[in-house]
Amino acid sequence: MFGKLGAPEILLILVVLIMLFGAKRLPGMARSLGQSLRILKSETDAMRDRDAEEDATTTAASTPEIVESKPLAASTAATHKIVSSSH
């Protein structure tokens, strides 16, 4: 639909815009549109960065950590000493 816009069509659109909004207001509107697009782009980039950080955190958190355990007898004896000395 928009692929067939030629020079005459674009010129007609510009003439209609100038008639509707006036020549003085068009630069301000274009500037405002540009600022809005810049803000949209920066927010989109920030969301992508946040999602990438969350994915990295989730991946790191889901990776099991290997922990060496003490033999059961040694930990029981140490607990027994602590309990015995407190009484």
PDB file of N, CA and C in Angstrom:
ATOM      1  N   MET A   1       0.824  -1.188   0.000  1.00  0.00           N
ATOM      2  CA  MET A   1       0.000   0.000   0.000  1.00  0.00           C
ATOM      3  C   MET A   1       0.875   1.261   0.000  1.00  0.00           C
ATOM      4  N   PHE A   2       1.843   1.335   0.926  1.00  0.00           N
ATOM      5  CA  PHE A   2       2.674   2.530   1.002  1.00  0.00           C
ATOM      6  C   PHE A   2       3.906   2.427   0.112  1.00  0.00           C
ATOM      7  N   GLY A   3       4.126   1.283  -0.479  1.00  0.00           N
ATOM      8  CA  GLY A   3       5.291   1.093  -1.328  1.00  0.00           C
ATOM      9  C   GLY A   3       5.210   1.870  -2.631  1.00  0.00           C
ATOM     10  N   LYS A   4       4.044   2.312  -2.989  1.00  0.00           N
ATOM     11  CA  LYS A   4       3.856   2.995  -4.264  1.00  0.00           C
ATOM     12  C   LYS A   4       3.734   4.510  -4.094  1.00  0.00           C
ATOM     13  N   LEU A   5       4.265   5.041  -2.993  1.00  0.00           N
ATOM     14  CA  LEU A   5       4.233   6.489  -2.811  1.00  0.00           C
ATOM     15  C   LEU A   5       5.342   7.114  -3.643  1.00  0.00           C
ATOM     16  N   GLY A   6       4.968   7.932  -4.560  1.00  0.00           N
ATOM     17  CA  GLY A   6       5.937   8.619  -5.396  1.00  0.00           C
ATOM     18  C   GLY A   6       6.060  10.073  -4.978  1.00  0.00           C
ATOM     19  N   ALA A   7       6.790  10.842  -5.758  1.00  0.00           N
ATOM     20  CA  ALA A   7       6.991  12.258  -5.462  1.00  0.00           C
ATOM     21  C   ALA A   7       5.678  13.048  -5.451  1.00  0.00           C
ATOM     22  N   PRO A   8       4.764  12.829  -6.402  1.00  0.00           N
ATOM     23  CA  PRO A   8       3.510  13.609  -6.372  1.00  0.00           C
ATOM     24  C   PRO A   8       2.680  13.328  -5.114  1.00  0.00           C
ATOM     25  N   GLU A   9       2.647  12.075  -4.695  1.00  0.00           N
ATOM     26  CA  GLU A   9       1.855  11.740  -3.505  1.00  0.00           C
ATOM     27  C   GLU A   9       2.447  12.374  -2.240  1.00  0.00           C
ATOM     28  N   ILE A  10       3.768  12.313  -2.115  1.00  0.00           N
ATOM     29  CA  ILE A  10       4.438  12.904  -0.942  1.00  0.00           C
ATOM     30  C   ILE A  10       4.244  14.415  -0.931  1.00  0.00           C
ATOM     31  N   LEU A  11       4.331  15.047  -2.107  1.00  0.00           N
ATOM     32  CA  LEU A  11       4.105  16.490  -2.203  1.00  0.00           C
ATOM     33  C   LEU A  11       2.685  16.847  -1.782  1.00  0.00           C
ATOM     34  N   LEU A  12       1.711  16.062  -2.203  1.00  0.00           N
ATOM     35  CA  LEU A  12       0.323  16.305  -1.830  1.00  0.00           C
ATOM     36  C   LEU A  12       0.139  16.177  -0.311  1.00  0.00           C
ATOM     37  N   ILE A  13       0.757  15.186   0.286  1.00  0.00           N
ATOM     38  CA  ILE A  13       0.668  15.004   1.744  1.00  0.00           C
ATOM     39  C   ILE A  13       1.286  16.205   2.460  1.00  0.00           C
ATOM     40  N   LEU A  14       2.430  16.686   1.985  1.00  0.00           N
ATOM     41  CA  LEU A  14       3.066  17.854   2.605  1.00  0.00           C
ATOM     42  C   LEU A  14       2.196  19.103   2.489  1.00  0.00           C
ATOM     43  N   VAL A  15       1.574  19.304   1.342  1.00  0.00           N
ATOM     44  CA  VAL A  15       0.691  20.464   1.148  1.00  0.00           C
ATOM     45  C   VAL A  15      -0.488  20.385   2.121  1.00  0.00           C
ATOM     46  N   VAL A  16      -1.075  19.209   2.269  1.00  0.00           N
ATOM     47  CA  VAL A  16      -2.212  19.043   3.187  1.00  0.00           C
ATOM     48  C   VAL A  16      -1.765  19.312   4.624  1.00  0.00           C
ATOM     49  N   LEU A  17      -0.585  18.799   5.008  1.00  0.00           N
ATOM     50  CA  LEU A  17      -0.081  19.046   6.364  1.00  0.00           C
ATOM     51  C   LEU A  17       0.152  20.524   6.625  1.00  0.00           C
ATOM     52  N   ILE A  18       0.712  21.224   5.653  1.00  0.00           N
ATOM     53  CA  ILE A  18       0.954  22.659   5.805  1.00  0.00           C
ATOM     54  C   ILE A  18      -0.369  23.409   5.922  1.00  0.00           C
ATOM     55  N   MET A  19      -1.365  23.001   5.155  1.00  0.00           N
ATOM     56  CA  MET A  19      -2.675  23.664   5.221  1.00  0.00           C
ATOM     57  C   MET A  19      -3.350  23.385   6.565  1.00  0.00           C
ATOM     58  N   LEU A  20      -3.209  22.180   7.096  1.00  0.00           N
ATOM     59  CA  LEU A  20      -3.865  21.836   8.360  1.00  0.00           C
ATOM     60  C   LEU A  20      -3.193  22.493   9.564  1.00  0.00           C
ATOM     61  N   PHE A  21      -1.870  22.407   9.636  1.00  0.00           N
ATOM     62  CA  PHE A  21      -1.176  22.837  10.846  1.00  0.00           C
ATOM     63  C   PHE A  21      -0.458  24.170  10.712  1.00  0.00           C
ATOM     64  N   GLY A  22      -0.191  24.596   9.540  1.00  0.00           N
ATOM     65  CA  GLY A  22       0.519  25.857   9.337  1.00  0.00           C
ATOM     66  C   GLY A  22       2.016  25.612   9.278  1.00  0.00           C
ATOM     67  N   ALA A  23       2.690  26.464   8.518  1.00  0.00           N
ATOM     68  CA  ALA A  23       4.126  26.296   8.293  1.00  0.00           C
ATOM     69  C   ALA A  23       4.935  26.544   9.567  1.00  0.00           C
ATOM     70  N   LYS A  24       4.425  27.363  10.464  1.00  0.00           N
ATOM     71  CA  LYS A  24       5.178  27.680  11.688  1.00  0.00           C
ATOM     72  C   LYS A  24       5.175  26.525  12.692  1.00  0.00           C
ATOM     73  N   ARG A  25       4.123  25.739  12.714  1.00  0.00           N
ATOM     74  CA  ARG A  25       4.011  24.671  13.708  1.00  0.00           C
ATOM     75  C   ARG A  25       4.662  23.368  13.264  1.00  0.00           C
ATOM     76  N   LEU A  26       4.888  23.167  11.979  1.00  0.00           N
ATOM     77  CA  LEU A  26       5.439  21.904  11.486  1.00  0.00           C
ATOM     78  C   LEU A  26       6.843  21.591  12.028  1.00  0.00           C
ATOM     79  N   PRO A  27       7.790  22.538  12.075  1.00  0.00           N
ATOM     80  CA  PRO A  27       9.112  22.204  12.623  1.00  0.00           C
ATOM     81  C   PRO A  27       9.052  21.774  14.092  1.00  0.00           C
ATOM     82  N   GLY A  28       8.212  22.433  14.857  1.00  0.00           N
ATOM     83  CA  GLY A  28       8.053  22.058  16.264  1.00  0.00           C
ATOM     84  C   GLY A  28       7.455  20.668  16.410  1.00  0.00           C
ATOM     85  N   MET A  29       6.496  20.350  15.565  1.00  0.00           N
ATOM     86  CA  MET A  29       5.887  19.018  15.610  1.00  0.00           C
ATOM     87  C   MET A  29       6.891  17.944  15.198  1.00  0.00           C
ATOM     88  N   ALA A  30       7.710  18.235  14.188  1.00  0.00           N
ATOM     89  CA  ALA A  30       8.729  17.281  13.752  1.00  0.00           C
ATOM     90  C   ALA A  30       9.767  17.075  14.849  1.00  0.00           C
ATOM     91  N   ARG A  31      10.156  18.138  15.533  1.00  0.00           N
ATOM     92  CA  ARG A  31      11.111  18.049  16.635  1.00  0.00           C
ATOM     93  C   ARG A  31      10.540  17.204  17.770  1.00  0.00           C
ATOM     94  N   SER A  32       9.285  17.436  18.086  1.00  0.00           N
ATOM     95  CA  SER A  32       8.619  16.674  19.144  1.00  0.00           C
ATOM     96  C   SER A  32       8.526  15.192  18.775  1.00  0.00           C
ATOM     97  N   LEU A  33       8.222  14.911  17.543  1.00  0.00           N
ATOM     98  CA  LEU A  33       8.157  13.527  17.070  1.00  0.00           C
ATOM     99  C   LEU A  33       9.527  12.859  17.178  1.00  0.00           C
ATOM    100  N   GLY A  34      10.588  13.585  16.810  1.00  0.00           N
ATOM    101  CA  GLY A  34      11.948  13.060  16.907  1.00  0.00           C
ATOM    102  C   GLY A  34      12.329  12.750  18.345  1.00  0.00           C
ATOM    103  N   GLN A  35      11.982  13.645  19.280  1.00  0.00           N
ATOM    104  CA  GLN A  35      12.275  13.406  20.697  1.00  0.00           C
ATOM    105  C   GLN A  35      11.514  12.186  21.210  1.00  0.00           C
ATOM    106  N   SER A  36      10.283  12.053  20.810  1.00  0.00           N
ATOM    107  CA  SER A  36       9.481  10.909  21.239  1.00  0.00           C
ATOM    108  C   SER A  36      10.080   9.603  20.735  1.00  0.00           C
ATOM    109  N   LEU A  37      10.536   9.601  19.488  1.00  0.00           N
ATOM    110  CA  LEU A  37      11.154   8.395  18.937  1.00  0.00           C
ATOM    111  C   LEU A  37      12.461   8.056  19.652  1.00  0.00           C
ATOM    112  N   ARG A  38      13.254   9.090  20.009  1.00  0.00           N
ATOM    113  CA  ARG A  38      14.498   8.852  20.754  1.00  0.00           C
ATOM    114  C   ARG A  38      14.213   8.257  22.122  1.00  0.00           C
ATOM    115  N   ILE A  39      13.204   8.768  22.811  1.00  0.00           N
ATOM    116  CA  ILE A  39      12.831   8.251  24.129  1.00  0.00           C
ATOM    117  C   ILE A  39      12.346   6.810  24.007  1.00  0.00           C
ATOM    118  N   LEU A  40      11.522   6.546  23.004  1.00  0.00           N
ATOM    119  CA  LEU A  40      11.025   5.189  22.780  1.00  0.00           C
ATOM    120  C   LEU A  40      12.184   4.219  22.532  1.00  0.00           C
ATOM    121  N   LYS A  41      13.146   4.636  21.734  1.00  0.00           N
ATOM    122  CA  LYS A  41      14.307   3.784  21.431  1.00  0.00           C
ATOM    123  C   LYS A  41      15.125   3.522  22.691  1.00  0.00           C
ATOM    124  N   SER A  42      15.376   4.559  23.489  1.00  0.00           N
ATOM    125  CA  SER A  42      16.185   4.363  24.698  1.00  0.00           C
ATOM    126  C   SER A  42      15.470   3.469  25.706  1.00  0.00           C
ATOM    127  N   GLU A  43      14.155   3.608  25.838  1.00  0.00           N
ATOM    128  CA  GLU A  43      13.401   2.749  26.752  1.00  0.00           C
ATOM    129  C   GLU A  43      13.382   1.305  26.266  1.00  0.00           C
ATOM    130  N   THR A  44      13.275   1.114  24.957  1.00  0.00           N
ATOM    131  CA  THR A  44      13.302  -0.233  24.391  1.00  0.00           C
ATOM    132  C   THR A  44      14.657  -0.884  24.642  1.00  0.00           C
ATOM    133  N   ASP A  45      15.741  -0.131  24.444  1.00  0.00           N
ATOM    134  CA  ASP A  45      17.081  -0.655  24.710  1.00  0.00           C
ATOM    135  C   ASP A  45      17.253  -1.002  26.186  1.00  0.00           C
ATOM    136  N   ALA A  46      16.726  -0.155  27.074  1.00  0.00           N
ATOM    137  CA  ALA A  46      16.827  -0.417  28.511  1.00  0.00           C
ATOM    138  C   ALA A  46      16.059  -1.684  28.882  1.00  0.00           C
ATOM    139  N   MET A  47      14.901  -1.891  28.279  1.00  0.00           N
ATOM    140  CA  MET A  47      14.128  -3.113  28.556  1.00  0.00           C
ATOM    141  C   MET A  47      14.879  -4.348  28.076  1.00  0.00           C
ATOM    142  N   ARG A  48      15.513  -4.259  26.914  1.00  0.00           N
ATOM    143  CA  ARG A  48      16.296  -5.393  26.399  1.00  0.00           C
ATOM    144  C   ARG A  48      17.464  -5.702  27.320  1.00  0.00           C
ATOM    145  N   ASP A  49      18.157  -4.652  27.801  1.00  0.00           N
ATOM    146  CA  ASP A  49      19.278  -4.855  28.720  1.00  0.00           C
ATOM    147  C   ASP A  49      18.811  -5.490  30.023  1.00  0.00           C
ATOM    148  N   ARG A  50      17.670  -5.018  30.541  1.00  0.00           N
ATOM    149  CA  ARG A  50      17.119  -5.569  31.782  1.00  0.00           C
ATOM    150  C   ARG A  50      16.754  -7.039  31.605  1.00  0.00           C
ATOM    151  N   ASP A  51      16.151  -7.372  30.474  1.00  0.00           N
ATOM    152  CA  ASP A  51      15.792  -8.768  30.200  1.00  0.00           C
ATOM    153  C   ASP A  51      17.036  -9.640  30.087  1.00  0.00           C
ATOM    154  N   ALA A  52      18.088  -9.120  29.460  1.00  0.00           N
ATOM    155  CA  ALA A  52      19.332  -9.887  29.330  1.00  0.00           C
ATOM    156  C   ALA A  52      19.962 -10.124  30.693  1.00  0.00           C
ATOM    157  N   GLU A  53      19.923  -9.106  31.576  1.00  0.00           N
ATOM    158  CA  GLU A  53      20.458  -9.270  32.937  1.00  0.00           C
ATOM    159  C   GLU A  53      19.654 -10.303  33.710  1.00  0.00           C
ATOM    160  N   GLU A  54      18.328 -10.263  33.589  1.00  0.00           N
ATOM    161  CA  GLU A  54      17.483 -11.230  34.291  1.00  0.00           C
ATOM    162  C   GLU A  54      17.741 -12.641  33.798  1.00  0.00           C
ATOM    163  N   ASP A  55      17.937 -12.802  32.485  1.00  0.00           N
ATOM    164  CA  ASP A  55      18.235 -14.118  31.934  1.00  0.00           C
ATOM    165  C   ASP A  55      19.563 -14.635  32.461  1.00  0.00           C
ATOM    166  N   ALA A  56      20.562 -13.759  32.540  1.00  0.00           N
ATOM    167  CA  ALA A  56      21.874 -14.161  33.053  1.00  0.00           C
ATOM    168  C   ALA A  56      21.780 -14.525  34.533  1.00  0.00           C
ATOM    169  N   THR A  57      21.010 -13.764  35.297  1.00  0.00           N
ATOM    170  CA  THR A  57      20.844 -14.046  36.720  1.00  0.00           C
ATOM    171  C   THR A  57      20.103 -15.349  36.919  1.00  0.00           C
ATOM    172  N   THR A  58      19.061 -15.585  36.143  1.00  0.00           N
ATOM    173  CA  THR A  58      18.276 -16.810  36.249  1.00  0.00           C
ATOM    174  C   THR A  58      19.130 -18.015  35.895  1.00  0.00           C
ATOM    175  N   THR A  59      19.939 -17.892  34.859  1.00  0.00           N
ATOM    176  CA  THR A  59      20.804 -18.991  34.439  1.00  0.00           C
ATOM    177  C   THR A  59      21.838 -19.286  35.517  1.00  0.00           C
ATOM    178  N   ALA A  60      22.426 -18.246  36.099  1.00  0.00           N
ATOM    179  CA  ALA A  60      23.430 -18.434  37.149  1.00  0.00           C
ATOM    180  C   ALA A  60      22.797 -19.019  38.406  1.00  0.00           C
ATOM    181  N   ALA A  61      21.581 -18.610  38.728  1.00  0.00           N
ATOM    182  CA  ALA A  61      20.911 -19.097  39.930  1.00  0.00           C
ATOM    183  C   ALA A  61      20.453 -20.535  39.771  1.00  0.00           C
ATOM    184  N   SER A  62      20.135 -20.949  38.555  1.00  0.00           N
ATOM    185  CA  SER A  62      19.644 -22.304  38.352  1.00  0.00           C
ATOM    186  C   SER A  62      20.777 -23.311  38.205  1.00  0.00           C
ATOM    187  N   THR A  63      22.020 -22.845  38.057  1.00  0.00           N
ATOM    188  CA  THR A  63      23.163 -23.748  37.975  1.00  0.00           C
ATOM    189  C   THR A  63      23.467 -24.268  39.378  1.00  0.00           C
ATOM    190  N   PRO A  64      23.459 -25.589  39.566  1.00  0.00           N
ATOM    191  CA  PRO A  64      23.696 -26.113  40.919  1.00  0.00           C
ATOM    192  C   PRO A  64      25.133 -25.869  41.355  1.00  0.00           C
ATOM    193  N   GLU A  65      25.276 -25.540  42.618  1.00  0.00           N
ATOM    194  CA  GLU A  65      26.589 -25.292  43.186  1.00  0.00           C
ATOM    195  C   GLU A  65      27.032 -26.550  43.924  1.00  0.00           C
ATOM    196  N   ILE A  66      28.263 -26.963  43.699  1.00  0.00           N
ATOM    197  CA  ILE A  66      28.778 -28.163  44.346  1.00  0.00           C
ATOM    198  C   ILE A  66      29.304 -27.773  45.716  1.00  0.00           C
ATOM    199  N   VAL A  67      28.776 -28.422  46.738  1.00  0.00           N
ATOM    200  CA  VAL A  67      29.164 -28.145  48.117  1.00  0.00           C
ATOM    201  C   VAL A  67      29.682 -29.438  48.724  1.00  0.00           C
ATOM    202  N   GLU A  68      30.863 -29.348  49.319  1.00  0.00           N
ATOM    203  CA  GLU A  68      31.412 -30.528  49.981  1.00  0.00           C
ATOM    204  C   GLU A  68      30.754 -30.678  51.340  1.00  0.00           C
ATOM    205  N   SER A  69      30.385 -31.891  51.670  1.00  0.00           N
ATOM    206  CA  SER A  69      29.734 -32.110  52.957  1.00  0.00           C
ATOM    207  C   SER A  69      30.685 -32.817  53.892  1.00  0.00           C
ATOM    208  N   LYS A  70      30.484 -32.593  55.177  1.00  0.00           N
ATOM    209  CA  LYS A  70      31.287 -33.249  56.206  1.00  0.00           C
ATOM    210  C   LYS A  70      30.691 -34.625  56.481  1.00  0.00           C
ATOM    211  N   PRO A  71      31.512 -35.536  56.934  1.00  0.00           N
ATOM    212  CA  PRO A  71      30.960 -36.833  57.322  1.00  0.00           C
ATOM    213  C   PRO A  71      29.961 -36.647  58.457  1.00  0.00           C
ATOM    214  N   LEU A  72      28.934 -37.459  58.483  1.00  0.00           N
ATOM    215  CA  LEU A  72      27.866 -37.325  59.464  1.00  0.00           C
ATOM    216  C   LEU A  72      28.371 -37.530  60.881  1.00  0.00           C
ATOM    217  N   ALA A  73      29.247 -38.454  61.095  1.00  0.00           N
ATOM    218  CA  ALA A  73      29.737 -38.747  62.442  1.00  0.00           C
ATOM    219  C   ALA A  73      30.483 -37.560  63.036  1.00  0.00           C
ATOM    220  N   ALA A  74      31.302 -36.886  62.239  1.00  0.00           N
ATOM    221  CA  ALA A  74      32.071 -35.748  62.734  1.00  0.00           C
ATOM    222  C   ALA A  74      31.154 -34.595  63.118  1.00  0.00           C
ATOM    223  N   SER A  75      30.151 -34.326  62.310  1.00  0.00           N
ATOM    224  CA  SER A  75      29.258 -33.218  62.634  1.00  0.00           C
ATOM    225  C   SER A  75      28.388 -33.554  63.836  1.00  0.00           C
ATOM    226  N   THR A  76      28.017 -34.812  64.005  1.00  0.00           N
ATOM    227  CA  THR A  76      27.219 -35.218  65.161  1.00  0.00           C
ATOM    228  C   THR A  76      28.037 -35.099  66.434  1.00  0.00           C
ATOM    229  N   ALA A  77      29.314 -35.494  66.382  1.00  0.00           N
ATOM    230  CA  ALA A  77      30.174 -35.406  67.557  1.00  0.00           C
ATOM    231  C   ALA A  77      30.371 -33.951  67.953  1.00  0.00           C
ATOM    232  N   ALA A  78      30.564 -33.074  66.984  1.00  0.00           N
ATOM    233  CA  ALA A  78      30.742 -31.656  67.282  1.00  0.00           C
ATOM    234  C   ALA A  78      29.471 -31.086  67.891  1.00  0.00           C
ATOM    235  N   THR A  79      28.334 -31.479  67.398  1.00  0.00           N
ATOM    236  CA  THR A  79      27.064 -31.007  67.950  1.00  0.00           C
ATOM    237  C   THR A  79      26.884 -31.525  69.361  1.00  0.00           C
ATOM    238  N   HIS A  80      27.273 -32.767  69.599  1.00  0.00           N
ATOM    239  CA  HIS A  80      27.152 -33.370  70.939  1.00  0.00           C
ATOM    240  C   HIS A  80      28.049 -32.623  71.932  1.00  0.00           C
ATOM    241  N   LYS A  81      29.253 -32.210  71.520  1.00  0.00           N
ATOM    242  CA  LYS A  81      30.147 -31.479  72.401  1.00  0.00           C
ATOM    243  C   LYS A  81      29.533 -30.133  72.754  1.00  0.00           C
ATOM    244  N   ILE A  82      28.950 -29.460  71.769  1.00  0.00           N
ATOM    245  CA  ILE A  82      28.354 -28.148  72.014  1.00  0.00           C
ATOM    246  C   ILE A  82      27.172 -28.286  72.964  1.00  0.00           C
ATOM    247  N   VAL A  83      26.349 -29.287  72.771  1.00  0.00           N
ATOM    248  CA  VAL A  83      25.186 -29.486  73.629  1.00  0.00           C
ATOM    249  C   VAL A  83      25.653 -29.881  75.042  1.00  0.00           C
ATOM    250  N   SER A  84      26.665 -30.745  75.148  1.00  0.00           N
ATOM    251  CA  SER A  84      27.141 -31.207  76.448  1.00  0.00           C
ATOM    252  C   SER A  84      27.764 -30.076  77.224  1.00  0.00           C
ATOM    253  N   SER A  85      28.529 -29.211  76.557  1.00  0.00           N
ATOM    254  CA  SER A  85      29.209 -28.146  77.279  1.00  0.00           C
ATOM    255  C   SER A  85      28.253 -27.034  77.715  1.00  0.00           C
ATOM    256  N   SER A  86      27.110 -26.926  77.098  1.00  0.00           N
ATOM    257  CA  SER A  86      26.156 -25.884  77.492  1.00  0.00           C
ATOM    258  C   SER A  86      25.339 -26.293  78.708  1.00  0.00           C
ATOM    259  N   HIS A  87      25.299 -27.610  79.043  1.00  0.00           N
ATOM    260  CA  HIS A  87      24.531 -28.059  80.209  1.00  0.00           C
ATOM    261  C   HIS A  87      25.338 -28.049  81.446  1.00  0.00           C
TER     262      HIS A  87
END
